[in-house]
Amino acid sequence: MATPTLSRHLIPGVLGDIAVDVRAGGRTSPRPAVVTVHGFKGFKDWGMWPPFADRLARAGFVAVSFNMSGSGVEGTGFVFPDRFGHNTFSAELEDLGRVVEALYREELAVAPPTALGLVGHSRGGGISILHAASDPRVRALVTWSAISTVERWPQPDRNRWRASGMQEIKNARTGEVLPLYTDVLDDIESNAAKLDIASAAGRIAVPWLLVHGTKDEAVNVAEARALAAVAPTGTTVVTIEGAGHTFGAAHPWNGGGPDLERVFDATLDFLGAQLAGR
């Protein structure tokens, strides 16, 4: 198998350019592709994503990772705070759709894929569920620590948020404070049906690997149970005892650990079986 190469691309997104990385061991012959979807305050170069993408490419997949246009990130820094502030779930869903379309239109320096898988973490897991429920090209779905609903804020918090016009979000890694405007509240109130993750989970028609840590400090494992309760028969649910939201990964990359290795291995095995017939 050829040594994977990396190409970088920019495509138009809802709130600005979408930065896309493509790793592939072969670019002219069609092969299965996997698109990875980061979560809230995440980005394609955060901690575990580059090593996971490398593993995907070495396993024979086209690995596509990208920054949501509303991530606010360039490189590893939040250099577009207003994009972050105006980001919404609908914008992220549209951004993922544009990345998939660019892949199939041969705009990412690889041949169109033979099959498509999605791997989404946290909020990106919820976005992946929404996309997979409506795109028949998706043949396999993997969610890590996925949210089960876009309703993340109690009504009293929303009231205070609307009164001030924004809330401040602290980046624990850097200490910087980012604005979050009311666009996301408008979005979940105006597009409740389109953004109903639990409803979408019940419409998933492809194999699904659902992974969650029992000690997730950001998305309680109860949300995994809620998704599993409405997921189609045959969905594979893996709970990692004692694992947190990122399964031990940190940024800068810390090498992960046994919990993350188990998640990587289970995901690669699942995608190999579903997309590549291994």
Protein backbone atom coordinates (compact mmCIF):
# COMPACT_ATOMS: atom_id res chain seq x y z
CA MET A 1 0.00 0.00 0.00
CA ALA A 2 1.27 3.45 -0.91
CA THR A 3 2.42 5.79 1.84
CA PRO A 4 -0.41 8.23 2.62
CA THR A 5 -0.01 11.82 1.45
CA LEU A 6 -1.68 14.94 2.80
CA SER A 7 -3.37 17.63 0.73
CA ARG A 8 -5.01 20.81 2.04
CA HIS A 9 -8.00 22.55 0.55
CA LEU A 10 -10.34 25.49 1.11
CA ILE A 11 -13.99 25.34 0.10
CA PRO A 12 -16.74 27.91 0.74
CA GLY A 13 -18.66 27.43 3.99
CA VAL A 14 -21.62 29.13 5.61
CA LEU A 15 -19.54 31.50 7.77
CA GLY A 16 -16.29 31.56 5.81
CA ASP A 17 -13.90 29.09 4.27
CA ILE A 18 -13.88 25.45 5.35
CA ALA A 19 -10.31 24.20 5.73
CA VAL A 20 -10.13 20.55 4.64
CA ASP A 21 -7.30 18.02 5.06
CA VAL A 22 -7.27 14.87 2.94
CA ARG A 23 -4.97 11.96 3.72
CA ALA A 24 -4.84 9.09 1.25
CA GLY A 25 -2.53 6.29 0.23
CA GLY A 26 -3.79 6.46 -3.33
CA ARG A 27 -5.58 9.31 -5.06
CA THR A 28 -6.48 8.13 -8.54
CA SER A 29 -8.17 4.84 -7.72
CA PRO A 30 -11.52 4.94 -5.87
CA ARG A 31 -11.51 3.70 -2.28
CA PRO A 32 -13.73 4.09 0.79
CA ALA A 33 -13.67 7.51 2.45
CA VAL A 34 -14.25 8.52 6.06
CA VAL A 35 -15.16 12.08 7.02
CA THR A 36 -14.41 13.06 10.62
CA VAL A 37 -16.53 15.73 12.33
CA HIS A 38 -15.19 17.66 15.32
CA GLY A 39 -17.27 19.02 18.18
CA PHE A 40 -17.89 22.33 19.96
CA LYS A 41 -14.60 24.23 20.45
CA GLY A 42 -12.94 21.45 18.44
CA PHE A 43 -11.02 21.59 15.17
CA LYS A 44 -9.39 19.20 12.72
CA ASP A 45 -5.92 19.53 14.26
CA TRP A 46 -7.07 19.06 17.86
CA GLY A 47 -5.30 16.32 19.79
CA MET A 48 -6.58 12.96 18.59
CA TRP A 49 -7.79 13.92 15.12
CA PRO A 50 -4.51 13.97 13.13
CA PRO A 51 -3.26 10.62 14.52
CA PHE A 52 -6.66 9.06 13.94
CA ALA A 53 -6.76 10.40 10.37
CA ASP A 54 -3.28 8.97 9.81
CA ARG A 55 -4.48 5.57 11.00
CA LEU A 56 -7.47 5.74 8.68
CA ALA A 57 -5.25 6.53 5.70
CA ARG A 58 -2.77 3.76 6.56
CA ALA A 59 -5.71 1.36 6.74
CA GLY A 60 -6.60 2.17 3.14
CA PHE A 61 -9.30 4.81 3.59
CA VAL A 62 -9.39 8.34 2.26
CA ALA A 63 -9.43 10.33 5.51
CA VAL A 64 -11.17 13.70 5.26
CA SER A 65 -11.01 16.08 8.24
CA PHE A 66 -12.13 19.69 8.29
CA ASN A 67 -12.78 22.78 10.37
CA MET A 68 -16.37 23.94 10.50
CA SER A 69 -16.54 27.43 9.01
CA GLY A 70 -17.89 28.58 12.38
CA SER A 71 -15.17 26.92 14.42
CA GLY A 72 -13.27 30.20 14.45
CA VAL A 73 -10.02 28.28 14.11
CA GLU A 74 -7.09 28.65 11.76
CA GLY A 75 -4.21 26.33 12.50
CA THR A 76 -4.70 25.68 16.20
CA GLY A 77 -5.82 29.17 17.26
CA PHE A 78 -9.21 30.88 17.49
CA VAL A 79 -8.44 33.68 15.05
CA PHE A 80 -12.04 34.27 13.86
CA PRO A 81 -13.99 34.81 17.10
CA ASP A 82 -16.99 36.33 15.32
CA ARG A 83 -17.41 33.21 13.19
CA PHE A 84 -17.42 31.17 16.38
CA GLY A 85 -19.90 33.59 17.90
CA HIS A 86 -22.36 33.32 15.02
CA ASN A 87 -22.03 29.57 14.51
CA THR A 88 -25.17 27.39 14.56
CA PHE A 89 -26.12 23.74 14.31
CA SER A 90 -27.69 24.39 10.91
CA ALA A 91 -24.47 26.01 9.66
CA GLU A 92 -22.48 22.97 10.77
CA LEU A 93 -24.90 20.59 9.08
CA GLU A 94 -24.62 22.60 5.87
CA ASP A 95 -20.81 22.69 6.14
CA LEU A 96 -20.65 18.90 6.47
CA GLY A 97 -22.88 18.57 3.43
CA ARG A 98 -20.59 20.84 1.42
CA VAL A 99 -17.52 18.77 2.36
CA VAL A 100 -19.27 15.57 1.27
CA GLU A 101 -20.35 17.17 -2.00
CA ALA A 102 -16.81 18.42 -2.69
CA LEU A 103 -15.50 14.89 -2.09
CA TYR A 104 -17.92 13.38 -4.59
CA ARG A 105 -17.31 16.14 -7.13
CA GLU A 106 -13.57 15.33 -7.12
CA GLU A 107 -12.67 18.74 -5.67
CA LEU A 108 -10.43 17.30 -2.94
CA ALA A 109 -7.68 15.74 -5.08
CA VAL A 110 -8.99 12.18 -4.77
CA ALA A 111 -11.25 9.96 -6.85
CA PRO A 112 -14.92 9.74 -5.78
CA PRO A 113 -15.22 7.22 -2.95
CA THR A 114 -16.57 3.71 -3.29
CA ALA A 115 -18.35 4.11 0.06
CA LEU A 116 -18.67 6.79 2.72
CA GLY A 117 -18.41 6.65 6.50
CA LEU A 118 -18.81 9.39 9.10
CA VAL A 119 -17.05 9.64 12.48
CA GLY A 120 -18.37 12.44 14.69
CA HIS A 121 -17.38 13.47 18.21
CA SER A 122 -19.65 15.23 20.73
CA ARG A 123 -21.60 17.96 18.91
CA GLY A 124 -20.06 16.61 15.71
CA GLY A 125 -21.63 13.27 16.55
CA GLY A 126 -25.05 14.88 16.63
CA ILE A 127 -24.36 16.61 13.31
CA SER A 128 -23.22 13.28 11.83
CA ILE A 129 -26.46 11.60 12.93
CA LEU A 130 -28.51 14.34 11.29
CA HIS A 131 -26.55 14.05 8.05
CA ALA A 132 -26.52 10.25 7.95
CA ALA A 133 -30.30 10.14 8.35
CA SER A 134 -30.79 12.06 5.10
CA ASP A 135 -27.83 11.12 2.86
CA PRO A 136 -28.08 7.65 1.26
CA ARG A 137 -24.40 7.78 0.29
CA VAL A 138 -23.43 7.27 3.94
CA ARG A 139 -22.82 3.57 4.48
CA ALA A 140 -21.52 3.54 8.06
CA LEU A 141 -21.83 5.86 11.06
CA VAL A 142 -19.59 6.13 14.13
CA THR A 143 -20.31 8.51 16.99
CA TRP A 144 -18.01 9.22 19.93
CA SER A 145 -19.52 10.97 22.98
CA ALA A 146 -22.38 12.23 20.82
CA ILE A 147 -25.01 14.68 21.97
CA SER A 148 -28.61 13.44 21.73
CA THR A 149 -30.26 16.87 21.49
CA VAL A 150 -29.45 20.44 20.49
CA GLU A 151 -31.28 21.67 23.58
CA ARG A 152 -28.15 22.38 25.63
CA TRP A 153 -29.25 25.41 27.64
CA PRO A 154 -32.01 25.76 30.30
CA GLN A 155 -34.61 28.48 29.73
CA PRO A 156 -33.33 30.78 32.53
CA ASP A 157 -29.88 30.73 30.92
CA ARG A 158 -31.42 31.52 27.54
CA ASN A 159 -33.32 34.47 29.01
CA ARG A 160 -30.14 35.97 30.46
CA TRP A 161 -28.30 35.27 27.22
CA ARG A 162 -30.91 37.05 25.13
CA ALA A 163 -31.00 39.98 27.52
CA SER A 164 -27.25 40.55 27.16
CA GLY A 165 -27.05 39.60 23.46
CA MET A 166 -24.20 37.16 24.01
CA GLN A 167 -22.58 34.86 26.49
CA GLU A 168 -18.88 34.36 27.07
CA ILE A 169 -17.32 30.96 26.43
CA LYS A 170 -13.95 30.30 28.02
CA ASN A 171 -11.43 28.16 26.22
CA ALA A 172 -10.04 26.10 29.08
CA ARG A 173 -6.91 25.23 27.07
CA THR A 174 -5.83 28.80 26.30
CA GLY A 175 -7.82 30.90 28.78
CA GLU A 176 -9.17 33.11 26.00
CA VAL A 177 -12.81 34.19 26.16
CA LEU A 178 -14.93 33.78 23.04
CA PRO A 179 -18.31 35.38 22.30
CA LEU A 180 -21.39 33.27 21.61
CA TYR A 181 -24.24 35.33 20.19
CA THR A 182 -27.91 34.40 20.10
CA ASP A 183 -27.80 33.00 16.55
CA VAL A 184 -27.65 29.45 17.89
CA LEU A 185 -30.73 30.04 20.04
CA ASP A 186 -32.63 31.42 17.04
CA ASP A 187 -31.54 28.38 15.06
CA ILE A 188 -32.72 25.71 17.49
CA GLU A 189 -36.03 27.51 17.98
CA SER A 190 -36.66 28.04 14.26
CA ASN A 191 -35.39 24.68 13.02
CA ALA A 192 -36.42 22.29 15.77
CA ALA A 193 -37.68 19.56 13.42
CA LYS A 194 -34.62 19.66 11.15
CA LEU A 195 -32.30 19.53 14.17
CA ASP A 196 -34.12 16.75 16.06
CA ILE A 197 -31.22 14.36 16.67
CA ALA A 198 -33.30 11.72 18.44
CA SER A 199 -35.76 11.61 15.53
CA ALA A 200 -32.88 11.35 13.05
CA ALA A 201 -31.33 8.54 15.13
CA GLY A 202 -34.51 6.55 14.67
CA ARG A 203 -34.18 6.91 10.89
CA ILE A 204 -30.58 5.71 10.62
CA ALA A 205 -30.59 2.92 8.04
CA VAL A 206 -26.90 1.97 8.08
CA PRO A 207 -24.64 0.19 10.59
CA TRP A 208 -23.88 2.43 13.57
CA LEU A 209 -21.14 2.19 16.19
CA LEU A 210 -22.07 4.30 19.22
CA VAL A 211 -19.21 4.88 21.70
CA HIS A 212 -19.40 6.73 25.01
CA GLY A 213 -17.42 6.95 28.26
CA THR A 214 -19.22 6.27 31.51
CA LYS A 215 -17.52 9.25 33.19
CA ASP A 216 -18.05 11.76 30.38
CA GLU A 217 -17.92 15.15 32.06
CA ALA A 218 -19.31 17.11 29.07
CA VAL A 219 -22.00 14.85 27.57
CA ASN A 220 -23.48 12.52 30.15
CA VAL A 221 -23.62 8.84 29.25
CA ALA A 222 -27.40 9.13 29.66
CA GLU A 223 -27.40 10.77 26.22
CA ALA A 224 -25.81 7.65 24.73
CA ARG A 225 -28.53 5.56 26.36
CA ALA A 226 -31.17 7.88 24.88
CA LEU A 227 -29.70 7.46 21.41
CA ALA A 228 -29.36 3.70 21.81
CA ALA A 229 -33.02 3.49 22.83
CA VAL A 230 -34.17 4.88 19.47
CA ALA A 231 -31.34 3.57 17.27
CA PRO A 232 -32.10 0.80 14.79
CA THR A 233 -31.81 -2.82 15.80
CA GLY A 234 -28.23 -3.99 15.40
CA THR A 235 -26.58 -0.74 16.44
CA THR A 236 -23.32 -1.53 18.24
CA VAL A 237 -23.04 0.27 21.57
CA VAL A 238 -19.63 0.40 23.29
CA THR A 239 -19.34 2.00 26.71
CA ILE A 240 -15.83 2.67 27.98
CA GLU A 241 -15.86 2.25 31.75
CA GLY A 242 -14.39 5.27 33.53
CA ALA A 243 -13.59 7.16 30.33
CA GLY A 244 -14.17 10.89 29.94
CA HIS A 245 -15.33 13.00 27.03
CA THR A 246 -12.19 12.59 24.89
CA PHE A 247 -11.24 9.11 26.15
CA GLY A 248 -7.97 10.40 27.57
CA ALA A 249 -6.87 12.51 24.59
CA ALA A 250 -5.70 16.09 25.10
CA HIS A 251 -4.35 18.97 23.06
CA PRO A 252 -1.49 19.20 22.35
CA TRP A 253 -1.53 15.50 21.51
CA ASN A 254 -0.54 13.43 24.52
CA GLY A 255 -0.38 10.01 22.91
CA GLY A 256 -3.84 9.10 24.12
CA GLY A 257 -3.95 6.01 26.31
CA PRO A 258 -5.66 2.63 26.57
CA ASP A 259 -9.21 4.02 26.44
CA LEU A 260 -8.58 5.99 23.27
CA GLU A 261 -6.69 3.07 21.74
CA ARG A 262 -9.74 0.90 22.33
CA VAL A 263 -11.94 3.52 20.64
CA PHE A 264 -9.57 3.78 17.67
CA ASP A 265 -9.35 -0.01 17.29
CA ALA A 266 -13.10 -0.54 17.54
CA THR A 267 -13.73 2.23 15.01
CA LEU A 268 -11.17 0.96 12.50
CA ASP A 269 -12.49 -2.60 12.79
CA PHE A 270 -16.07 -1.43 12.34
CA LEU A 271 -15.31 0.78 9.33
CA GLY A 272 -13.18 -1.94 7.76
CA ALA A 273 -16.03 -4.41 8.00
CA GLN A 274 -18.73 -2.01 6.79
CA LEU A 275 -16.92 -0.05 4.10
CA ALA A 276 -14.09 -2.24 2.90
CA GLY A 277 -15.46 -5.74 3.48
CA ARG A 278 -12.65 -6.73 5.84
